[in-house]
C-alpha atoms as a PDB file:
ATOM      1  CA  MET A   1     -52.633 -22.059 -11.540  1.00  0.00           C
ATOM      2  CA  LYS A   2     -52.011 -21.040  -7.825  1.00  0.00           C
ATOM      3  CA  LYS A   3     -49.195 -23.665  -7.548  1.00  0.00           C
ATOM      4  CA  MET A   4     -47.325 -22.045 -10.821  1.00  0.00           C
ATOM      5  CA  PHE A   5     -47.748 -18.428  -9.246  1.00  0.00           C
ATOM      6  CA  PHE A   6     -46.312 -20.018  -5.975  1.00  0.00           C
ATOM      7  CA  TRP A   7     -42.875 -21.183  -8.027  1.00  0.00           C
ATOM      8  CA  TYR A   8     -42.575 -17.948  -9.935  1.00  0.00           C
ATOM      9  CA  ILE A   9     -42.539 -16.050  -6.603  1.00  0.00           C
ATOM     10  CA  LEU A  10     -39.996 -18.387  -5.023  1.00  0.00           C
ATOM     11  CA  LEU A  11     -37.826 -18.502  -8.143  1.00  0.00           C
ATOM     12  CA  PHE A  12     -37.683 -14.200  -7.731  1.00  0.00           C
ATOM     13  CA  LEU A  13     -36.935 -14.587  -4.141  1.00  0.00           C
ATOM     14  CA  LEU A  14     -33.786 -16.870  -4.888  1.00  0.00           C
ATOM     15  CA  THR A  15     -32.682 -14.511  -7.339  1.00  0.00           C
ATOM     16  CA  VAL A  16     -32.804 -11.539  -5.171  1.00  0.00           C
ATOM     17  CA  VAL A  17     -30.827 -13.249  -2.604  1.00  0.00           C
ATOM     18  CA  SER A  18     -28.473 -14.446  -4.753  1.00  0.00           C
ATOM     19  CA  CYS A  19     -27.585 -11.359  -6.154  1.00  0.00           C
ATOM     20  CA  SER A  20     -26.602 -10.334  -2.436  1.00  0.00           C
ATOM     21  CA  ASP A  21     -23.692 -10.926  -0.262  1.00  0.00           C
ATOM     22  CA  SER A  22     -23.740 -11.728   3.487  1.00  0.00           C
ATOM     23  CA  SER A  23     -23.083  -7.924   4.598  1.00  0.00           C
ATOM     24  CA  GLY A  24     -26.415  -6.945   2.597  1.00  0.00           C
ATOM     25  CA  GLU A  25     -24.565  -4.936  -0.048  1.00  0.00           C
ATOM     26  CA  ASP A  26     -25.697  -5.699  -3.919  1.00  0.00           C
ATOM     27  CA  ILE A  27     -22.869  -7.511  -5.913  1.00  0.00           C
ATOM     28  CA  ILE A  28     -23.015  -5.896  -9.320  1.00  0.00           C
ATOM     29  CA  PRO A  29     -22.100  -8.338 -11.837  1.00  0.00           C
ATOM     30  CA  ASP A  30     -18.955  -7.673 -13.871  1.00  0.00           C
ATOM     31  CA  GLU A  31     -19.890  -6.446 -17.426  1.00  0.00           C
ATOM     32  CA  PRO A  32     -18.037  -7.963 -20.249  1.00  0.00           C
ATOM     33  CA  VAL A  33     -14.290  -6.597 -20.750  1.00  0.00           C
ATOM     34  CA  GLU A  34     -15.443  -4.167 -23.741  1.00  0.00           C
ATOM     35  CA  GLN A  35     -17.608  -2.187 -21.558  1.00  0.00           C
ATOM     36  CA  TRP A  36     -14.818  -1.034 -19.110  1.00  0.00           C
ATOM     37  CA  GLN A  37     -12.499   1.466 -19.935  1.00  0.00           C
ATOM     38  CA  LYS A  38      -9.893  -0.780 -18.861  1.00  0.00           C
ATOM     39  CA  TYR A  39      -6.695   1.434 -19.860  1.00  0.00           C
ATOM     40  CA  PRO A  40      -6.042   5.092 -18.571  1.00  0.00           C
ATOM     41  CA  GLU A  41      -6.325   8.042 -20.686  1.00  0.00           C
ATOM     42  CA  GLN A  42      -3.804  11.198 -20.955  1.00  0.00           C
ATOM     43  CA  GLY A  43      -3.453  12.622 -17.294  1.00  0.00           C
ATOM     44  CA  GLN A  44      -5.079   9.312 -15.539  1.00  0.00           C
ATOM     45  CA  LEU A  45      -3.109   6.394 -13.632  1.00  0.00           C
ATOM     46  CA  LYS A  46      -4.262   2.791 -13.457  1.00  0.00           C
ATOM     47  CA  ILE A  47      -3.133   1.533 -10.030  1.00  0.00           C
ATOM     48  CA  MET A  48      -3.163  -2.326  -9.409  1.00  0.00           C
ATOM     49  CA  SER A  49      -2.934  -3.976  -6.030  1.00  0.00           C
ATOM     50  CA  PHE A  50      -2.227  -7.690  -6.281  1.00  0.00           C
ATOM     51  CA  ASN A  51      -1.868 -10.172  -3.394  1.00  0.00           C
ATOM     52  CA  VAL A  52      -0.159 -13.080  -5.268  1.00  0.00           C
ATOM     53  CA  ARG A  53      -0.076 -15.662  -2.710  1.00  0.00           C
ATOM     54  CA  TYR A  54       3.348 -16.601  -1.371  1.00  0.00           C
ATOM     55  CA  GLY A  55       4.828 -19.112  -3.603  1.00  0.00           C
ATOM     56  CA  SER A  56       6.210 -21.368  -0.643  1.00  0.00           C
ATOM     57  CA  ALA A  57       2.645 -21.997   0.491  1.00  0.00           C
ATOM     58  CA  LYS A  58       1.883 -25.608   0.725  1.00  0.00           C
ATOM     59  CA  GLU A  59      -1.279 -25.867  -1.265  1.00  0.00           C
ATOM     60  CA  THR A  60      -4.107 -28.425  -0.561  1.00  0.00           C
ATOM     61  CA  ASN A  61      -4.629 -28.369  -4.454  1.00  0.00           C
ATOM     62  CA  PRO A  62      -1.351 -28.372  -6.291  1.00  0.00           C
ATOM     63  CA  MET A  63      -2.626 -26.602  -9.133  1.00  0.00           C
ATOM     64  CA  ASN A  64      -3.000 -23.591  -6.804  1.00  0.00           C
ATOM     65  CA  GLY A  65       0.888 -23.710  -6.610  1.00  0.00           C
ATOM     66  CA  TRP A  66       3.084 -20.922  -7.860  1.00  0.00           C
ATOM     67  CA  GLU A  67       4.618 -22.931 -10.807  1.00  0.00           C
ATOM     68  CA  PHE A  68       0.992 -23.313 -12.173  1.00  0.00           C
ATOM     69  CA  ARG A  69      -0.141 -19.783 -11.776  1.00  0.00           C
ATOM     70  CA  LYS A  70       2.934 -17.559 -12.309  1.00  0.00           C
ATOM     71  CA  ALA A  71       2.594 -17.434 -16.369  1.00  0.00           C
ATOM     72  CA  ALA A  72      -1.108 -16.593 -15.982  1.00  0.00           C
ATOM     73  CA  CYS A  73      -0.080 -13.749 -13.709  1.00  0.00           C
ATOM     74  CA  VAL A  74       1.997 -12.415 -16.107  1.00  0.00           C
ATOM     75  CA  GLU A  75      -0.412 -12.626 -19.057  1.00  0.00           C
ATOM     76  CA  MET A  76      -2.808 -10.589 -16.753  1.00  0.00           C
ATOM     77  CA  ILE A  77      -0.668  -7.920 -16.012  1.00  0.00           C
ATOM     78  CA  LEU A  78       0.449  -7.594 -19.746  1.00  0.00           C
ATOM     79  CA  ASP A  79      -3.513  -7.609 -20.531  1.00  0.00           C
ATOM     80  CA  HIS A  80      -4.261  -4.885 -18.341  1.00  0.00           C
ATOM     81  CA  LYS A  81      -0.950  -2.299 -18.603  1.00  0.00           C
ATOM     82  CA  PRO A  82      -1.148  -0.857 -15.369  1.00  0.00           C
ATOM     83  CA  THR A  83       0.661   2.141 -14.518  1.00  0.00           C
ATOM     84  CA  LEU A  84       1.725   0.893 -11.393  1.00  0.00           C
ATOM     85  CA  ILE A  85       1.248  -2.129  -9.252  1.00  0.00           C
ATOM     86  CA  GLY A  86       1.681  -2.877  -5.728  1.00  0.00           C
ATOM     87  CA  PHE A  87       2.339  -6.502  -4.775  1.00  0.00           C
ATOM     88  CA  GLN A  88       1.980  -8.215  -1.480  1.00  0.00           C
ATOM     89  CA  GLU A  89       3.181 -11.648  -0.636  1.00  0.00           C
ATOM     90  CA  ALA A  90       5.748 -11.902  -3.583  1.00  0.00           C
ATOM     91  CA  ILE A  91       8.655 -13.827  -2.066  1.00  0.00           C
ATOM     92  CA  TYR A  92      11.782 -11.779  -2.852  1.00  0.00           C
ATOM     93  CA  THR A  93      14.136 -14.468  -4.462  1.00  0.00           C
ATOM     94  CA  THR A  94      11.392 -16.226  -6.594  1.00  0.00           C
ATOM     95  CA  GLN A  95       8.196 -14.358  -7.286  1.00  0.00           C
ATOM     96  CA  TRP A  96       9.508 -10.922  -6.873  1.00  0.00           C
ATOM     97  CA  ARG A  97      12.465 -11.603  -9.275  1.00  0.00           C
ATOM     98  CA  PHE A  98      10.206 -13.346 -11.699  1.00  0.00           C
ATOM     99  CA  PHE A  99       7.894 -10.212 -12.227  1.00  0.00           C
ATOM    100  CA  GLN A 100      10.924  -8.004 -12.520  1.00  0.00           C
ATOM    101  CA  GLU A 101      12.403 -10.594 -15.274  1.00  0.00           C
ATOM    102  CA  GLU A 102       9.371 -11.373 -17.163  1.00  0.00           C
ATOM    103  CA  LEU A 103       7.863  -7.456 -17.195  1.00  0.00           C
ATOM    104  CA  ALA A 104      11.389  -5.849 -17.505  1.00  0.00           C
ATOM    105  CA  ALA A 105      10.366  -4.456 -21.122  1.00  0.00           C
ATOM    106  CA  ASP A 106       7.503  -2.423 -19.976  1.00  0.00           C
ATOM    107  CA  TYR A 107       8.482  -2.128 -16.090  1.00  0.00           C
ATOM    108  CA  GLU A 108      10.888  -1.260 -13.658  1.00  0.00           C
ATOM    109  CA  GLY A 109      10.607  -1.592  -9.498  1.00  0.00           C
ATOM    110  CA  PHE A 110      11.822  -1.556  -6.418  1.00  0.00           C
ATOM    111  CA  GLY A 111      11.237  -3.214  -2.899  1.00  0.00           C
ATOM    112  CA  VAL A 112      13.130  -5.107  -0.089  1.00  0.00           C
ATOM    113  CA  GLY A 113      12.430  -8.479   1.535  1.00  0.00           C
ATOM    114  CA  ARG A 114      10.434  -7.833   4.830  1.00  0.00           C
ATOM    115  CA  ASP A 115      12.567 -10.295   6.809  1.00  0.00           C
ATOM    116  CA  ASP A 116      15.905  -8.675   6.460  1.00  0.00           C
ATOM    117  CA  GLY A 117      15.637  -5.358   4.577  1.00  0.00           C
ATOM    118  CA  ALA A 118      17.195  -7.075   1.810  1.00  0.00           C
ATOM    119  CA  GLU A 119      16.202 -10.106  -0.064  1.00  0.00           C
ATOM    120  CA  LYS A 120      14.523 -12.368   2.674  1.00  0.00           C
ATOM    121  CA  GLY A 121      10.888 -13.176   2.977  1.00  0.00           C
ATOM    122  CA  GLU A 122       8.230 -11.404   1.002  1.00  0.00           C
ATOM    123  CA  THR A 123       8.430  -7.887  -0.242  1.00  0.00           C
ATOM    124  CA  MET A 124       5.744  -5.388  -0.968  1.00  0.00           C
ATOM    125  CA  GLY A 125       7.368  -4.505  -4.180  1.00  0.00           C
ATOM    126  CA  ILE A 126       6.083  -1.649  -6.577  1.00  0.00           C
ATOM    127  CA  LEU A 127       6.416  -2.044 -10.504  1.00  0.00           C
ATOM    128  CA  TYR A 128       5.848   1.077 -12.737  1.00  0.00           C
ATOM    129  CA  ARG A 129       5.388   1.508 -16.114  1.00  0.00           C
ATOM    130  CA  LYS A 130       8.644   3.081 -17.159  1.00  0.00           C
ATOM    131  CA  SER A 131       7.365   4.971 -20.238  1.00  0.00           C
ATOM    132  CA  GLU A 132       4.742   6.429 -18.630  1.00  0.00           C
ATOM    133  CA  ILE A 133       6.240   7.772 -15.232  1.00  0.00           C
ATOM    134  CA  ARG A 134       9.635   7.971 -13.586  1.00  0.00           C
ATOM    135  CA  ARG A 135      11.064   7.319  -9.836  1.00  0.00           C
ATOM    136  CA  LEU A 136      12.158  10.177  -8.121  1.00  0.00           C
ATOM    137  CA  LYS A 137      12.269   8.942  -4.757  1.00  0.00           C
ATOM    138  CA  GLU A 138      11.685   5.626  -2.711  1.00  0.00           C
ATOM    139  CA  GLY A 139      11.655   4.008   0.396  1.00  0.00           C
ATOM    140  CA  THR A 140      10.573   0.944   2.755  1.00  0.00           C
ATOM    141  CA  PHE A 141       9.549   1.166   6.569  1.00  0.00           C
ATOM    142  CA  TRP A 142       8.345  -1.331   8.717  1.00  0.00           C
ATOM    143  CA  LEU A 143       5.044  -1.531  10.290  1.00  0.00           C
ATOM    144  CA  SER A 144       6.482  -1.515  14.039  1.00  0.00           C
ATOM    145  CA  PRO A 145       7.161   1.029  16.659  1.00  0.00           C
ATOM    146  CA  THR A 146      10.978   1.121  15.412  1.00  0.00           C
ATOM    147  CA  PRO A 147       9.582   1.626  11.630  1.00  0.00           C
ATOM    148  CA  ASP A 148      13.274   2.479  10.300  1.00  0.00           C
ATOM    149  CA  VAL A 149      14.880  -0.597  11.056  1.00  0.00           C
ATOM    150  CA  CYS A 150      13.994  -4.053  10.267  1.00  0.00           C
ATOM    151  CA  SER A 151      11.563  -5.183  13.130  1.00  0.00           C
ATOM    152  CA  LYS A 152       8.374  -6.859  13.821  1.00  0.00           C
ATOM    153  CA  ALA A 153       5.872  -5.192  16.028  1.00  0.00           C
ATOM    154  CA  VAL A 154       5.497  -7.638  18.956  1.00  0.00           C
ATOM    155  CA  GLU A 155       4.463  -5.056  20.997  1.00  0.00           C
ATOM    156  CA  TRP A 156       1.464  -4.613  18.553  1.00  0.00           C
ATOM    157  CA  GLY A 157       0.623  -8.410  18.485  1.00  0.00           C
ATOM    158  CA  ALA A 158       2.197  -8.720  15.079  1.00  0.00           C
ATOM    159  CA  GLY A 159       2.537 -12.236  13.741  1.00  0.00           C
ATOM    160  CA  HIS A 160       4.771 -11.381  10.978  1.00  0.00           C
ATOM    161  CA  PHE A 161       7.167  -8.727   9.657  1.00  0.00           C
ATOM    162  CA  ARG A 162       5.092  -5.858   7.736  1.00  0.00           C
ATOM    163  CA  THR A 163       6.162  -3.388   5.760  1.00  0.00           C
ATOM    164  CA  ALA A 164       5.126  -0.239   3.530  1.00  0.00           C
ATOM    165  CA  THR A 165       6.953   0.379   0.216  1.00  0.00           C
ATOM    166  CA  TRP A 166       6.498   4.184  -1.092  1.00  0.00           C
ATOM    167  CA  GLY A 167       7.448   6.312  -3.841  1.00  0.00           C
ATOM    168  CA  ILE A 168       7.433   9.754  -5.505  1.00  0.00           C
ATOM    169  CA  PHE A 169       6.721   9.592  -9.120  1.00  0.00           C
ATOM    170  CA  GLU A 170       6.855  12.234 -12.091  1.00  0.00           C
ATOM    171  CA  TYR A 171       4.072  11.567 -14.953  1.00  0.00           C
ATOM    172  CA  ILE A 172       6.593  11.924 -17.879  1.00  0.00           C
ATOM    173  CA  ALA A 173       4.239  13.715 -20.464  1.00  0.00           C
ATOM    174  CA  THR A 174       3.335  16.762 -18.179  1.00  0.00           C
ATOM    175  CA  GLY A 175       6.066  16.686 -15.380  1.00  0.00           C
ATOM    176  CA  GLU A 176       3.349  16.361 -12.540  1.00  0.00           C
ATOM    177  CA  LYS A 177       4.263  14.562  -9.601  1.00  0.00           C
ATOM    178  CA  PHE A 178       2.237  12.141  -7.053  1.00  0.00           C
ATOM    179  CA  PHE A 179       2.957   9.907  -4.110  1.00  0.00           C
ATOM    180  CA  PHE A 180       2.124   6.277  -4.150  1.00  0.00           C
ATOM    181  CA  MET A 181       2.394   3.810  -1.432  1.00  0.00           C
ATOM    182  CA  ASN A 182       1.600  -0.086  -1.263  1.00  0.00           C
ATOM    183  CA  THR A 183       1.376  -2.095   2.148  1.00  0.00           C
ATOM    184  CA  HIS A 184       0.187  -5.541   3.577  1.00  0.00           C
ATOM    185  CA  LEU A 185      -1.273  -5.117   6.996  1.00  0.00           C
ATOM    186  CA  ASP A 186      -0.938  -7.934   9.819  1.00  0.00           C
ATOM    187  CA  VAL A 187      -3.964 -10.052  10.338  1.00  0.00           C
ATOM    188  CA  LYS A 188      -3.814  -9.362  14.082  1.00  0.00           C
ATOM    189  CA  SER A 189      -3.781  -6.403  16.268  1.00  0.00           C
ATOM    190  CA  THR A 190      -1.292  -4.535  14.679  1.00  0.00           C
ATOM    191  CA  ARG A 191      -3.697  -2.749  12.205  1.00  0.00           C
ATOM    192  CA  ASP A 192      -4.642   0.093  13.968  1.00  0.00           C
ATOM    193  CA  ASN A 193      -1.479   1.284  14.988  1.00  0.00           C
ATOM    194  CA  ALA A 194      -0.048   0.312  11.660  1.00  0.00           C
ATOM    195  CA  MET A 195      -2.763   2.853   9.869  1.00  0.00           C
ATOM    196  CA  LYS A 196      -1.744   5.490  12.231  1.00  0.00           C
ATOM    197  CA  LEU A 197       1.877   4.853  11.191  1.00  0.00           C
ATOM    198  CA  ILE A 198       1.335   5.005   7.467  1.00  0.00           C
ATOM    199  CA  ALA A 199      -0.800   8.399   7.822  1.00  0.00           C
ATOM    200  CA  GLU A 200       2.279  10.108   9.712  1.00  0.00           C
ATOM    201  CA  ARG A 201       4.561   8.664   7.408  1.00  0.00           C
ATOM    202  CA  ILE A 202       2.706   9.636   4.118  1.00  0.00           C
ATOM    203  CA  GLU A 203       2.947  13.230   5.732  1.00  0.00           C
ATOM    204  CA  MET A 204       6.598  12.795   6.301  1.00  0.00           C
ATOM    205  CA  TYR A 205       7.487  11.668   3.008  1.00  0.00           C
ATOM    206  CA  ASN A 206       4.976  13.899   1.108  1.00  0.00           C
ATOM    207  CA  THR A 207       6.147  17.446   1.935  1.00  0.00           C
ATOM    208  CA  ASP A 208       4.951  18.911  -1.383  1.00  0.00           C
ATOM    209  CA  ASP A 209       1.558  17.983  -0.742  1.00  0.00           C
ATOM    210  CA  LEU A 210       1.131  15.758  -3.826  1.00  0.00           C
ATOM    211  CA  PRO A 211      -1.722  13.454  -4.796  1.00  0.00           C
ATOM    212  CA  VAL A 212      -1.606  10.466  -2.636  1.00  0.00           C
ATOM    213  CA  TYR A 213      -2.526   6.791  -3.883  1.00  0.00           C
ATOM    214  CA  LEU A 214      -2.298   4.172  -1.262  1.00  0.00           C
ATOM    215  CA  ALA A 215      -2.932   0.220  -2.104  1.00  0.00           C
ATOM    216  CA  GLY A 216      -2.612  -3.048  -0.486  1.00  0.00           C
ATOM    217  CA  ASP A 217      -4.142  -5.778   1.153  1.00  0.00           C
ATOM    218  CA  PHE A 218      -5.170  -4.335   4.740  1.00  0.00           C
ATOM    219  CA  ASN A 219      -6.919  -7.186   5.982  1.00  0.00           C
ATOM    220  CA  ALA A 220     -10.101  -5.169   6.764  1.00  0.00           C
ATOM    221  CA  ASP A 221     -13.212  -4.315   5.249  1.00  0.00           C
ATOM    222  CA  SER A 222     -13.423  -0.633   4.312  1.00  0.00           C
ATOM    223  CA  SER A 223     -15.898  -0.022   7.088  1.00  0.00           C
ATOM    224  CA  ASP A 224     -13.136  -1.045   9.502  1.00  0.00           C
ATOM    225  CA  LYS A 225     -12.328   1.772  12.106  1.00  0.00           C
ATOM    226  CA  ILE A 226      -8.763   1.610  11.158  1.00  0.00           C
ATOM    227  CA  PHE A 227      -9.428   3.506   8.156  1.00  0.00           C
ATOM    228  CA  ASN A 228     -10.350   6.538  10.333  1.00  0.00           C
ATOM    229  CA  ASN A 229      -6.743   7.235  10.615  1.00  0.00           C
ATOM    230  CA  ILE A 230      -6.031   7.709   7.201  1.00  0.00           C
ATOM    231  CA  GLY A 231      -7.803  11.188   6.852  1.00  0.00           C
ATOM    232  CA  ASN A 232      -8.068  12.908   3.709  1.00  0.00           C
ATOM    233  CA  LEU A 233      -8.289   9.525   1.523  1.00  0.00           C
ATOM    234  CA  LYS A 234     -11.162   8.017   0.036  1.00  0.00           C
ATOM    235  CA  ASN A 235     -12.026   4.421  -1.110  1.00  0.00           C
ATOM    236  CA  THR A 236     -11.744   4.183  -5.031  1.00  0.00           C
ATOM    237  CA  ARG A 237     -14.597   1.430  -5.295  1.00  0.00           C
ATOM    238  CA  LEU A 238     -16.927   3.741  -3.482  1.00  0.00           C
ATOM    239  CA  TYR A 239     -16.226   6.952  -5.554  1.00  0.00           C
ATOM    240  CA  ALA A 240     -16.268   5.457  -8.789  1.00  0.00           C
ATOM    241  CA  PRO A 241     -19.332   5.620 -11.118  1.00  0.00           C
ATOM    242  CA  ALA A 242     -21.841   3.204 -10.306  1.00  0.00           C
ATOM    243  CA  GLU A 243     -21.672   1.695 -13.736  1.00  0.00           C
ATOM    244  CA  ARG A 244     -17.742   1.453 -13.481  1.00  0.00           C
ATOM    245  CA  SER A 245     -17.319  -0.169 -10.195  1.00  0.00           C
ATOM    246  CA  ASP A 246     -18.163  -3.349  -8.464  1.00  0.00           C
ATOM    247  CA  HIS A 247     -18.995  -4.773  -5.019  1.00  0.00           C
ATOM    248  CA  GLY A 248     -17.701  -8.242  -5.145  1.00  0.00           C
ATOM    249  CA  PRO A 249     -15.285  -9.825  -2.872  1.00  0.00           C
ATOM    250  CA  THR A 250     -11.331  -9.458  -3.446  1.00  0.00           C
ATOM    251  CA  ALA A 251     -10.378 -12.682  -1.620  1.00  0.00           C
ATOM    252  CA  ASN A 252     -11.509 -15.950  -3.139  1.00  0.00           C
ATOM    253  CA  SER A 253      -9.957 -18.745  -0.825  1.00  0.00           C
ATOM    254  CA  TRP A 254      -9.340 -20.817  -4.214  1.00  0.00           C
ATOM    255  CA  THR A 255     -13.285 -21.302  -4.411  1.00  0.00           C
ATOM    256  CA  GLY A 256     -14.745 -18.001  -5.256  1.00  0.00           C
ATOM    257  CA  GLU A 257     -17.183 -18.370  -2.179  1.00  0.00           C
ATOM    258  CA  SER A 258     -15.361 -15.693  -0.027  1.00  0.00           C
ATOM    259  CA  LYS A 259     -17.114 -12.769   0.946  1.00  0.00           C
ATOM    260  CA  SER A 260     -13.982 -10.791   2.150  1.00  0.00           C
ATOM    261  CA  VAL A 261     -13.433  -7.561   0.686  1.00  0.00           C
ATOM    262  CA  ILE A 262      -9.835  -6.537   2.105  1.00  0.00           C
ATOM    263  CA  ASP A 263      -7.669  -5.433  -0.715  1.00  0.00           C
ATOM    264  CA  HIS A 264      -8.252  -1.465  -1.398  1.00  0.00           C
ATOM    265  CA  VAL A 265      -7.036   1.282  -3.418  1.00  0.00           C
ATOM    266  CA  TYR A 266      -7.477   4.962  -1.679  1.00  0.00           C
ATOM    267  CA  CYS A 267      -6.871   8.081  -3.406  1.00  0.00           C
ATOM    268  CA  SER A 268      -6.667  11.593  -1.755  1.00  0.00           C
ATOM    269  CA  LYS A 269      -9.619  13.898  -2.332  1.00  0.00           C
ATOM    270  CA  PRO A 270     -10.452  15.683  -4.539  1.00  0.00           C
ATOM    271  CA  LEU A 271      -9.094  13.567  -7.004  1.00  0.00           C
ATOM    272  CA  THR A 272     -11.517  11.689  -9.839  1.00  0.00           C
ATOM    273  CA  VAL A 273     -12.005   8.081  -9.717  1.00  0.00           C
ATOM    274  CA  TYR A 274     -13.153   6.762 -13.348  1.00  0.00           C
ATOM    275  CA  GLU A 275     -13.219   3.292 -12.710  1.00  0.00           C
ATOM    276  CA  TYR A 276     -12.645   0.311 -10.103  1.00  0.00           C
ATOM    277  CA  ARG A 277     -12.715  -3.472 -11.178  1.00  0.00           C
ATOM    278  CA  THR A 278     -12.015  -6.543  -9.184  1.00  0.00           C
ATOM    279  CA  ILE A 279     -10.262  -8.858 -11.929  1.00  0.00           C
ATOM    280  CA  ARG A 280     -12.036 -12.116 -11.841  1.00  0.00           C
ATOM    281  CA  ASP A 281     -11.139 -13.443 -15.555  1.00  0.00           C
ATOM    282  CA  PRO A 282      -9.399 -16.674 -16.204  1.00  0.00           C
ATOM    283  CA  TYR A 283      -6.092 -16.208 -17.843  1.00  0.00           C
ATOM    284  CA  SER A 284      -3.813 -18.710 -19.265  1.00  0.00           C
ATOM    285  CA  GLY A 285      -6.453 -21.474 -18.387  1.00  0.00           C
ATOM    286  CA  VAL A 286      -5.973 -20.589 -14.653  1.00  0.00           C
ATOM    287  CA  THR A 287      -9.149 -19.653 -12.849  1.00  0.00           C
ATOM    288  CA  TYR A 288      -7.474 -18.368  -9.745  1.00  0.00           C
ATOM    289  CA  LEU A 289      -4.465 -16.502 -10.160  1.00  0.00           C
ATOM    290  CA  SER A 290      -4.220 -16.208  -6.252  1.00  0.00           C
ATOM    291  CA  ASP A 291      -6.049 -16.648  -3.295  1.00  0.00           C
ATOM    292  CA  HIS A 292      -6.842 -12.681  -3.878  1.00  0.00           C
ATOM    293  CA  TYR A 293      -8.210 -11.366  -6.869  1.00  0.00           C
ATOM    294  CA  PRO A 294      -6.270  -8.512  -8.394  1.00  0.00           C
ATOM    295  CA  ILE A 295      -7.710  -4.942  -8.145  1.00  0.00           C
ATOM    296  CA  TYR A 296      -7.234  -1.695  -9.878  1.00  0.00           C
ATOM    297  CA  ALA A 297      -8.483   1.830  -9.927  1.00  0.00           C
ATOM    298  CA  ILE A 298      -8.174   4.399 -12.951  1.00  0.00           C
ATOM    299  CA  VAL A 299      -8.011   7.702 -10.999  1.00  0.00           C
ATOM    300  CA  SER A 300      -6.892  11.057 -12.358  1.00  0.00           C
ATOM    301  CA  LEU A 301      -3.597  12.709 -11.692  1.00  0.00           C
ATOM    302  CA  ARG A 302      -4.478  16.350 -10.690  1.00  0.00           C
END
């Protein structure tokens, strides 16, 4: 009897440990899809951030290559129907054009190649659902001391060209306007300077004090000090109702074993967050659409 009691206690402890990540935060399992709101209602936006993994990467497992994943990525987007999508690592001439062509019936988009301001390299492109919103203004700047010209922040220790793409949009049904920015921060020492620049540029472009939404791969957990630089913006994951949020990793390293939470959607206060989700569902038989999971937030427009 004592031996059986011991095994019950051991099983309980193992269960508790397995439900926490290395940071001590509880990982809330995903509910079945039908339990999630999933689609925005009138006056709401569904904002997705998706690092698609650059298609020229030489993957250890060929099944992680772009050709094996691209149809599944489109299927996921058509299933989720986000209002806006901020992409990271999408190579302009292959992946970005592919998304634009495959999703042209529902989406329009814009963005530039980060390596030349035209079509070279990756783009932080934005696609938006053209039946719901229209684009009023747009732009791209570089995360460097010379943001208005194509430049790499060598002074900040950058390893690559880095950009942020932004737009001012109008919600067609009501005429309400909002500001959205999509970015991908460097993995090295540029992030603090880059976030300060992003905050400055949001203020520069958003002259009418519109609601702000900021999405991207920040290569940093939300507790990182770089997020002290973005002022009146809140992390949608933390502000969504507990029953409609999750705390799992956003990167998967092709194994599902990563604990990194580096992809985020932020919005300005006091906007309401209705739902945040990390999408881990397989599509077209593909378990990992990228080495990052797509994430989305459903947020209020006013």
